[in-house]
Amino acid sequence: MKKLRRFRKRIDRIDGRIIRLLVRRHGAVRSIGFLKKENGLPVHDPDREESIIGRIERVTGRTDADRYVKEVFRALFRISRAEEGGADDGDD
């Protein structure tokens, strides 16, 4: 059980970093949403998303983590599109 606790502490530290990065990412997503709205650009940019998926494949080397990371990013894309689409609502 010591080993299990060690792994869980490791995950907790990683999660802390992920949370801080997601907060920063959220700010960037909101800014992009405002810029897209000001410039009449569509929220959805499939080429950008495919580019990111390609980068994930290069970084993960198509290992067993590849599917995991892609699924996380696809969720981020969906959430980001919703956030960008509502960039003018002023709510957080």
Foldseek 3Di string as FASTA:
>chain_A
DVVVVVVVVVVVVVVVVVVVVVVVVLVVLLVVLVVCVVVVHQLDDVVVLVVVLVVLCVVVVPDPCSVVVNVVVVVVSVVSSVCSVCSPVPDD
